[in-house]
Amino acid sequence: MTRTAHQPKRATRPITAAQVDNHRRYRCTYTPRDSLGHLNPSETGAAPYVQFLAANAEQALDIAQQVTGCPVIDATRIEG
């Protein structure tokens, strides 16, 4: 029996230039969890965020939920 090196799987395919035209950048803020899985909001009121290219805000919220595993507060479209 031979062993092969572990190759990590990519979560998504790279976005082509044609697809970028149909996608916008969104910033999604979320409430993080502690090591036990309990919600752990910031005492300063600043929520962490992740950014994604998505077709719309709903898709951005879904992606953020899947990536962070935390409740997503909102998705804000970033212009520019």
PDB file of N, CA and C in Angstrom:
ATOM      1  N   MET A   1       0.846  -1.171   0.000  1.00  0.00           N
ATOM      2  CA  MET A   1       0.000   0.000   0.000  1.00  0.00           C
ATOM      3  C   MET A   1       0.897   1.242   0.000  1.00  0.00           C
ATOM      4  N   THR A   2       0.670   2.133  -0.931  1.00  0.00           N
ATOM      5  CA  THR A   2       1.452   3.360  -0.996  1.00  0.00           C
ATOM      6  C   THR A   2       0.622   4.534  -0.506  1.00  0.00           C
ATOM      7  N   ARG A   3       1.293   5.485   0.064  1.00  0.00           N
ATOM      8  CA  ARG A   3       0.613   6.678   0.557  1.00  0.00           C
ATOM      9  C   ARG A   3       0.816   7.812  -0.436  1.00  0.00           C
ATOM     10  N   THR A   4      -0.208   8.602  -0.583  1.00  0.00           N
ATOM     11  CA  THR A   4      -0.093   9.784  -1.433  1.00  0.00           C
ATOM     12  C   THR A   4      -0.284  11.022  -0.569  1.00  0.00           C
ATOM     13  N   ALA A   5       0.293  12.106  -1.028  1.00  0.00           N
ATOM     14  CA  ALA A   5       0.171  13.366  -0.283  1.00  0.00           C
ATOM     15  C   ALA A   5      -1.266  13.836  -0.310  1.00  0.00           C
ATOM     16  N   HIS A   6      -1.701  14.394   0.802  1.00  0.00           N
ATOM     17  CA  HIS A   6      -3.065  14.920   0.899  1.00  0.00           C
ATOM     18  C   HIS A   6      -3.172  16.189   0.069  1.00  0.00           C
ATOM     19  N   GLN A   7      -4.141  16.240  -0.807  1.00  0.00           N
ATOM     20  CA  GLN A   7      -4.400  17.425  -1.619  1.00  0.00           C
ATOM     21  C   GLN A   7      -5.687  18.069  -1.133  1.00  0.00           C
ATOM     22  N   PRO A   8      -5.615  19.296  -0.584  1.00  0.00           N
ATOM     23  CA  PRO A   8      -6.844  19.937  -0.112  1.00  0.00           C
ATOM     24  C   PRO A   8      -7.779  20.235  -1.276  1.00  0.00           C
ATOM     25  N   LYS A   9      -9.063  20.104  -1.022  1.00  0.00           N
ATOM     26  CA  LYS A   9     -10.060  20.398  -2.040  1.00  0.00           C
ATOM     27  C   LYS A   9     -10.388  21.879  -2.009  1.00  0.00           C
ATOM     28  N   ARG A  10     -10.591  22.447  -3.171  1.00  0.00           N
ATOM     29  CA  ARG A  10     -10.993  23.837  -3.255  1.00  0.00           C
ATOM     30  C   ARG A  10     -12.483  23.943  -2.995  1.00  0.00           C
ATOM     31  N   ALA A  11     -12.859  24.948  -2.224  1.00  0.00           N
ATOM     32  CA  ALA A  11     -14.271  25.142  -1.890  1.00  0.00           C
ATOM     33  C   ALA A  11     -15.059  25.603  -3.112  1.00  0.00           C
ATOM     34  N   THR A  12     -14.468  26.460  -3.909  1.00  0.00           N
ATOM     35  CA  THR A  12     -15.143  26.971  -5.092  1.00  0.00           C
ATOM     36  C   THR A  12     -14.162  27.059  -6.239  1.00  0.00           C
ATOM     37  N   ARG A  13     -14.691  27.147  -7.436  1.00  0.00           N
ATOM     38  CA  ARG A  13     -13.844  27.318  -8.611  1.00  0.00           C
ATOM     39  C   ARG A  13     -13.435  28.777  -8.726  1.00  0.00           C
ATOM     40  N   PRO A  14     -12.280  29.016  -9.376  1.00  0.00           N
ATOM     41  CA  PRO A  14     -11.897  30.417  -9.608  1.00  0.00           C
ATOM     42  C   PRO A  14     -12.938  31.116 -10.487  1.00  0.00           C
ATOM     43  N   ILE A  15     -13.135  32.389 -10.260  1.00  0.00           N
ATOM     44  CA  ILE A  15     -14.117  33.157 -11.029  1.00  0.00           C
ATOM     45  C   ILE A  15     -13.455  33.679 -12.296  1.00  0.00           C
ATOM     46  N   THR A  16     -14.109  33.466 -13.419  1.00  0.00           N
ATOM     47  CA  THR A  16     -13.580  33.942 -14.694  1.00  0.00           C
ATOM     48  C   THR A  16     -13.893  35.423 -14.874  1.00  0.00           C
ATOM     49  N   ALA A  17     -13.241  36.036 -15.861  1.00  0.00           N
ATOM     50  CA  ALA A  17     -13.456  37.466 -16.122  1.00  0.00           C
ATOM     51  C   ALA A  17     -14.910  37.751 -16.488  1.00  0.00           C
ATOM     52  N   ALA A  18     -15.549  36.847 -17.201  1.00  0.00           N
ATOM     53  CA  ALA A  18     -16.955  37.047 -17.583  1.00  0.00           C
ATOM     54  C   ALA A  18     -17.862  37.005 -16.357  1.00  0.00           C
ATOM     55  N   GLN A  19     -17.531  36.180 -15.393  1.00  0.00           N
ATOM     56  CA  GLN A  19     -18.356  36.077 -14.192  1.00  0.00           C
ATOM     57  C   GLN A  19     -18.171  37.282 -13.273  1.00  0.00           C
ATOM     58  N   VAL A  20     -16.996  37.895 -13.289  1.00  0.00           N
ATOM     59  CA  VAL A  20     -16.738  39.048 -12.425  1.00  0.00           C
ATOM     60  C   VAL A  20     -17.683  40.185 -12.772  1.00  0.00           C
ATOM     61  N   ASP A  21     -18.018  40.330 -14.050  1.00  0.00           N
ATOM     62  CA  ASP A  21     -18.936  41.389 -14.452  1.00  0.00           C
ATOM     63  C   ASP A  21     -20.303  41.232 -13.804  1.00  0.00           C
ATOM     64  N   ASN A  22     -20.702  40.004 -13.504  1.00  0.00           N
ATOM     65  CA  ASN A  22     -22.005  39.728 -12.908  1.00  0.00           C
ATOM     66  C   ASN A  22     -21.960  39.705 -11.384  1.00  0.00           C
ATOM     67  N   HIS A  23     -20.789  39.900 -10.806  1.00  0.00           N
ATOM     68  CA  HIS A  23     -20.644  39.820  -9.354  1.00  0.00           C
ATOM     69  C   HIS A  23     -20.229  41.167  -8.785  1.00  0.00           C
ATOM     70  N   ARG A  24     -20.626  41.397  -7.580  1.00  0.00           N
ATOM     71  CA  ARG A  24     -20.278  42.607  -6.848  1.00  0.00           C
ATOM     72  C   ARG A  24     -19.586  42.195  -5.547  1.00  0.00           C
ATOM     73  N   ARG A  25     -18.852  43.117  -4.965  1.00  0.00           N
ATOM     74  CA  ARG A  25     -18.169  42.829  -3.703  1.00  0.00           C
ATOM     75  C   ARG A  25     -19.098  43.187  -2.554  1.00  0.00           C
ATOM     76  N   TYR A  26     -19.205  42.266  -1.597  1.00  0.00           N
ATOM     77  CA  TYR A  26     -20.034  42.461  -0.406  1.00  0.00           C
ATOM     78  C   TYR A  26     -19.195  42.254   0.841  1.00  0.00           C
ATOM     79  N   ARG A  27     -19.447  43.059   1.865  1.00  0.00           N
ATOM     80  CA  ARG A  27     -18.840  42.899   3.183  1.00  0.00           C
ATOM     81  C   ARG A  27     -19.926  42.389   4.112  1.00  0.00           C
ATOM     82  N   CYS A  28     -19.691  41.231   4.706  1.00  0.00           N
ATOM     83  CA  CYS A  28     -20.675  40.603   5.598  1.00  0.00           C
ATOM     84  C   CYS A  28     -20.137  40.614   7.024  1.00  0.00           C
ATOM     85  N   THR A  29     -20.858  41.253   7.924  1.00  0.00           N
ATOM     86  CA  THR A  29     -20.481  41.252   9.338  1.00  0.00           C
ATOM     87  C   THR A  29     -21.198  40.106  10.033  1.00  0.00           C
ATOM     88  N   TYR A  30     -20.534  39.546  11.034  1.00  0.00           N
ATOM     89  CA  TYR A  30     -21.102  38.391  11.730  1.00  0.00           C
ATOM     90  C   TYR A  30     -20.772  38.442  13.212  1.00  0.00           C
ATOM     91  N   THR A  31     -21.487  37.640  13.981  1.00  0.00           N
ATOM     92  CA  THR A  31     -21.247  37.515  15.421  1.00  0.00           C
ATOM     93  C   THR A  31     -20.406  36.255  15.646  1.00  0.00           C
ATOM     94  N   PRO A  32     -19.186  36.412  16.145  1.00  0.00           N
ATOM     95  CA  PRO A  32     -18.311  35.241  16.328  1.00  0.00           C
ATOM     96  C   PRO A  32     -18.767  34.358  17.487  1.00  0.00           C
ATOM     97  N   ARG A  33     -18.226  33.148  17.499  1.00  0.00           N
ATOM     98  CA  ARG A  33     -18.503  32.193  18.580  1.00  0.00           C
ATOM     99  C   ARG A  33     -17.226  31.958  19.379  1.00  0.00           C
ATOM    100  N   ASP A  34     -17.382  31.594  20.652  1.00  0.00           N
ATOM    101  CA  ASP A  34     -16.216  31.258  21.466  1.00  0.00           C
ATOM    102  C   ASP A  34     -15.848  29.795  21.241  1.00  0.00           C
ATOM    103  N   SER A  35     -14.875  29.308  21.982  1.00  0.00           N
ATOM    104  CA  SER A  35     -14.389  27.942  21.785  1.00  0.00           C
ATOM    105  C   SER A  35     -15.433  26.875  22.116  1.00  0.00           C
ATOM    106  N   LEU A  36     -16.456  27.237  22.877  1.00  0.00           N
ATOM    107  CA  LEU A  36     -17.517  26.290  23.209  1.00  0.00           C
ATOM    108  C   LEU A  36     -18.704  26.379  22.256  1.00  0.00           C
ATOM    109  N   GLY A  37     -18.649  27.313  21.319  1.00  0.00           N
ATOM    110  CA  GLY A  37     -19.722  27.459  20.345  1.00  0.00           C
ATOM    111  C   GLY A  37     -20.790  28.467  20.733  1.00  0.00           C
ATOM    112  N   HIS A  38     -20.602  29.143  21.861  1.00  0.00           N
ATOM    113  CA  HIS A  38     -21.565  30.162  22.285  1.00  0.00           C
ATOM    114  C   HIS A  38     -21.283  31.469  21.559  1.00  0.00           C
ATOM    115  N   LEU A  39     -22.330  32.243  21.301  1.00  0.00           N
ATOM    116  CA  LEU A  39     -22.144  33.536  20.657  1.00  0.00           C
ATOM    117  C   LEU A  39     -21.321  34.442  21.560  1.00  0.00           C
ATOM    118  N   ASN A  40     -20.373  35.153  20.970  1.00  0.00           N
ATOM    119  CA  ASN A  40     -19.448  35.974  21.736  1.00  0.00           C
ATOM    120  C   ASN A  40     -19.323  37.351  21.078  1.00  0.00           C
ATOM    121  N   PRO A  41     -20.355  38.213  21.229  1.00  0.00           N
ATOM    122  CA  PRO A  41     -20.282  39.535  20.601  1.00  0.00           C
ATOM    123  C   PRO A  41     -19.175  40.381  21.214  1.00  0.00           C
ATOM    124  N   SER A  42     -18.654  41.292  20.419  1.00  0.00           N
ATOM    125  CA  SER A  42     -17.580  42.167  20.862  1.00  0.00           C
ATOM    126  C   SER A  42     -18.091  43.162  21.895  1.00  0.00           C
ATOM    127  N   GLU A  43     -17.282  43.439  22.906  1.00  0.00           N
ATOM    128  CA  GLU A  43     -17.661  44.423  23.921  1.00  0.00           C
ATOM    129  C   GLU A  43     -17.576  45.843  23.380  1.00  0.00           C
ATOM    130  N   THR A  44     -16.775  46.048  22.327  1.00  0.00           N
ATOM    131  CA  THR A  44     -16.620  47.386  21.752  1.00  0.00           C
ATOM    132  C   THR A  44     -17.709  47.694  20.742  1.00  0.00           C
ATOM    133  N   GLY A  45     -18.460  46.689  20.346  1.00  0.00           N
ATOM    134  CA  GLY A  45     -19.523  46.891  19.367  1.00  0.00           C
ATOM    135  C   GLY A  45     -19.064  46.709  17.933  1.00  0.00           C
ATOM    136  N   ALA A  46     -17.770  46.521  17.712  1.00  0.00           N
ATOM    137  CA  ALA A  46     -17.243  46.305  16.362  1.00  0.00           C
ATOM    138  C   ALA A  46     -17.346  44.823  16.022  1.00  0.00           C
ATOM    139  N   ALA A  47     -18.077  44.523  14.960  1.00  0.00           N
ATOM    140  CA  ALA A  47     -18.246  43.133  14.553  1.00  0.00           C
ATOM    141  C   ALA A  47     -17.217  42.778  13.480  1.00  0.00           C
ATOM    142  N   PRO A  48     -16.672  41.561  13.525  1.00  0.00           N
ATOM    143  CA  PRO A  48     -15.751  41.145  12.477  1.00  0.00           C
ATOM    144  C   PRO A  48     -16.501  40.975  11.161  1.00  0.00           C
ATOM    145  N   TYR A  49     -15.754  40.977  10.060  1.00  0.00           N
ATOM    146  CA  TYR A  49     -16.401  40.845   8.762  1.00  0.00           C
ATOM    147  C   TYR A  49     -15.556  40.014   7.810  1.00  0.00           C
ATOM    148  N   VAL A  50     -16.201  39.522   6.761  1.00  0.00           N
ATOM    149  CA  VAL A  50     -15.560  38.843   5.644  1.00  0.00           C
ATOM    150  C   VAL A  50     -16.076  39.496   4.372  1.00  0.00           C
ATOM    151  N   GLN A  51     -15.276  39.427   3.303  1.00  0.00           N
ATOM    152  CA  GLN A  51     -15.697  40.015   2.035  1.00  0.00           C
ATOM    153  C   GLN A  51     -15.729  38.949   0.953  1.00  0.00           C
ATOM    154  N   PHE A  52     -16.727  39.070   0.056  1.00  0.00           N
ATOM    155  CA  PHE A  52     -16.904  38.106  -1.014  1.00  0.00           C
ATOM    156  C   PHE A  52     -17.352  38.775  -2.294  1.00  0.00           C
ATOM    157  N   LEU A  53     -17.114  38.099  -3.401  1.00  0.00           N
ATOM    158  CA  LEU A  53     -17.753  38.454  -4.656  1.00  0.00           C
ATOM    159  C   LEU A  53     -18.991  37.592  -4.748  1.00  0.00           C
ATOM    160  N   ALA A  54     -20.125  38.210  -4.993  1.00  0.00           N
ATOM    161  CA  ALA A  54     -21.385  37.471  -5.086  1.00  0.00           C
ATOM    162  C   ALA A  54     -22.309  38.174  -6.066  1.00  0.00           C
ATOM    163  N   ALA A  55     -23.270  37.436  -6.582  1.00  0.00           N
ATOM    164  CA  ALA A  55     -24.225  37.993  -7.534  1.00  0.00           C
ATOM    165  C   ALA A  55     -25.189  38.957  -6.858  1.00  0.00           C
ATOM    166  N   ASN A  56     -25.526  38.695  -5.578  1.00  0.00           N
ATOM    167  CA  ASN A  56     -26.454  39.555  -4.849  1.00  0.00           C
ATOM    168  C   ASN A  56     -26.218  39.398  -3.348  1.00  0.00           C
ATOM    169  N   ALA A  57     -26.897  40.193  -2.563  1.00  0.00           N
ATOM    170  CA  ALA A  57     -26.702  40.179  -1.106  1.00  0.00           C
ATOM    171  C   ALA A  57     -27.111  38.848  -0.491  1.00  0.00           C
ATOM    172  N   GLU A  58     -28.159  38.241  -1.011  1.00  0.00           N
ATOM    173  CA  GLU A  58     -28.613  36.953  -0.469  1.00  0.00           C
ATOM    174  C   GLU A  58     -27.538  35.881  -0.641  1.00  0.00           C
ATOM    175  N   GLN A  59     -26.914  35.851  -1.808  1.00  0.00           N
ATOM    176  CA  GLN A  59     -25.850  34.883  -2.046  1.00  0.00           C
ATOM    177  C   GLN A  59     -24.650  35.181  -1.133  1.00  0.00           C
ATOM    178  N   ALA A  60     -24.334  36.460  -0.936  1.00  0.00           N
ATOM    179  CA  ALA A  60     -23.235  36.838  -0.050  1.00  0.00           C
ATOM    180  C   ALA A  60     -23.503  36.379   1.384  1.00  0.00           C
ATOM    181  N   LEU A  61     -24.737  36.539   1.852  1.00  0.00           N
ATOM    182  CA  LEU A  61     -25.101  36.069   3.195  1.00  0.00           C
ATOM    183  C   LEU A  61     -24.944  34.559   3.317  1.00  0.00           C
ATOM    184  N   ASP A  62     -25.365  33.818   2.301  1.00  0.00           N
ATOM    185  CA  ASP A  62     -25.234  32.356   2.312  1.00  0.00           C
ATOM    186  C   ASP A  62     -23.771  31.935   2.365  1.00  0.00           C
ATOM    187  N   ILE A  63     -22.932  32.587   1.553  1.00  0.00           N
ATOM    188  CA  ILE A  63     -21.508  32.257   1.535  1.00  0.00           C
ATOM    189  C   ILE A  63     -20.880  32.555   2.895  1.00  0.00           C
ATOM    190  N   ALA A  64     -21.189  33.714   3.452  1.00  0.00           N
ATOM    191  CA  ALA A  64     -20.629  34.095   4.752  1.00  0.00           C
ATOM    192  C   ALA A  64     -21.042  33.110   5.842  1.00  0.00           C
ATOM    193  N   GLN A  65     -22.282  32.673   5.824  1.00  0.00           N
ATOM    194  CA  GLN A  65     -22.773  31.701   6.811  1.00  0.00           C
ATOM    195  C   GLN A  65     -21.998  30.384   6.692  1.00  0.00           C
ATOM    196  N   GLN A  66     -21.779  29.933   5.471  1.00  0.00           N
ATOM    197  CA  GLN A  66     -21.065  28.669   5.247  1.00  0.00           C
ATOM    198  C   GLN A  66     -19.599  28.776   5.662  1.00  0.00           C
ATOM    199  N   VAL A  67     -18.965  29.892   5.353  1.00  0.00           N
ATOM    200  CA  VAL A  67     -17.542  30.052   5.637  1.00  0.00           C
ATOM    201  C   VAL A  67     -17.277  30.254   7.127  1.00  0.00           C
ATOM    202  N   THR A  68     -18.049  31.118   7.771  1.00  0.00           N
ATOM    203  CA  THR A  68     -17.785  31.442   9.174  1.00  0.00           C
ATOM    204  C   THR A  68     -18.444  30.475  10.147  1.00  0.00           C
ATOM    205  N   GLY A  69     -19.586  29.915   9.782  1.00  0.00           N
ATOM    206  CA  GLY A  69     -20.326  29.058  10.701  1.00  0.00           C
ATOM    207  C   GLY A  69     -20.988  29.848  11.819  1.00  0.00           C
ATOM    208  N   CYS A  70     -21.072  31.156  11.644  1.00  0.00           N
ATOM    209  CA  CYS A  70     -21.639  32.044  12.661  1.00  0.00           C
ATOM    210  C   CYS A  70     -22.846  32.770  12.090  1.00  0.00           C
ATOM    211  N   PRO A  71     -23.701  33.314  12.973  1.00  0.00           N
ATOM    212  CA  PRO A  71     -24.822  34.118  12.487  1.00  0.00           C
ATOM    213  C   PRO A  71     -24.311  35.376  11.780  1.00  0.00           C
ATOM    214  N   VAL A  72     -24.823  35.615  10.584  1.00  0.00           N
ATOM    215  CA  VAL A  72     -24.406  36.782   9.803  1.00  0.00           C
ATOM    216  C   VAL A  72     -25.385  37.914  10.065  1.00  0.00           C
ATOM    217  N   ILE A  73     -24.850  39.084  10.384  1.00  0.00           N
ATOM    218  CA  ILE A  73     -25.689  40.232  10.730  1.00  0.00           C
ATOM    219  C   ILE A  73     -26.244  40.905   9.489  1.00  0.00           C
ATOM    220  N   ASP A  74     -25.364  41.224   8.547  1.00  0.00           N
ATOM    221  CA  ASP A  74     -25.815  41.886   7.321  1.00  0.00           C
ATOM    222  C   ASP A  74     -24.783  41.764   6.210  1.00  0.00           C
ATOM    223  N   ALA A  75     -25.201  42.120   5.004  1.00  0.00           N
ATOM    224  CA  ALA A  75     -24.317  42.170   3.844  1.00  0.00           C
ATOM    225  C   ALA A  75     -24.411  43.562   3.253  1.00  0.00           C
ATOM    226  N   THR A  76     -23.277  44.229   3.123  1.00  0.00           N
ATOM    227  CA  THR A  76     -23.236  45.574   2.584  1.00  0.00           C
ATOM    228  C   THR A  76     -22.478  45.542   1.267  1.00  0.00           C
ATOM    229  N   ARG A  77     -23.100  46.075   0.222  1.00  0.00           N
ATOM    230  CA  ARG A  77     -22.438  46.121  -1.073  1.00  0.00           C
ATOM    231  C   ARG A  77     -21.366  47.201  -1.063  1.00  0.00           C
ATOM    232  N   ILE A  78     -20.180  46.864  -1.551  1.00  0.00           N
ATOM    233  CA  ILE A  78     -19.063  47.790  -1.597  1.00  0.00           C
ATOM    234  C   ILE A  78     -18.939  48.297  -3.028  1.00  0.00           C
ATOM    235  N   GLU A  79     -19.064  49.576  -3.193  1.00  0.00           N
ATOM    236  CA  GLU A  79     -18.950  50.199  -4.523  1.00  0.00           C
ATOM    237  C   GLU A  79     -17.494  50.506  -4.813  1.00  0.00           C
ATOM    238  N   GLY A  80     -17.153  50.449  -6.078  1.00  0.00           N
ATOM    239  CA  GLY A  80     -15.804  50.876  -6.439  1.00  0.00           C
ATOM    240  C   GLY A  80     -15.022  49.927  -7.174  1.00  0.00           C
TER     241      GLY A  80
END
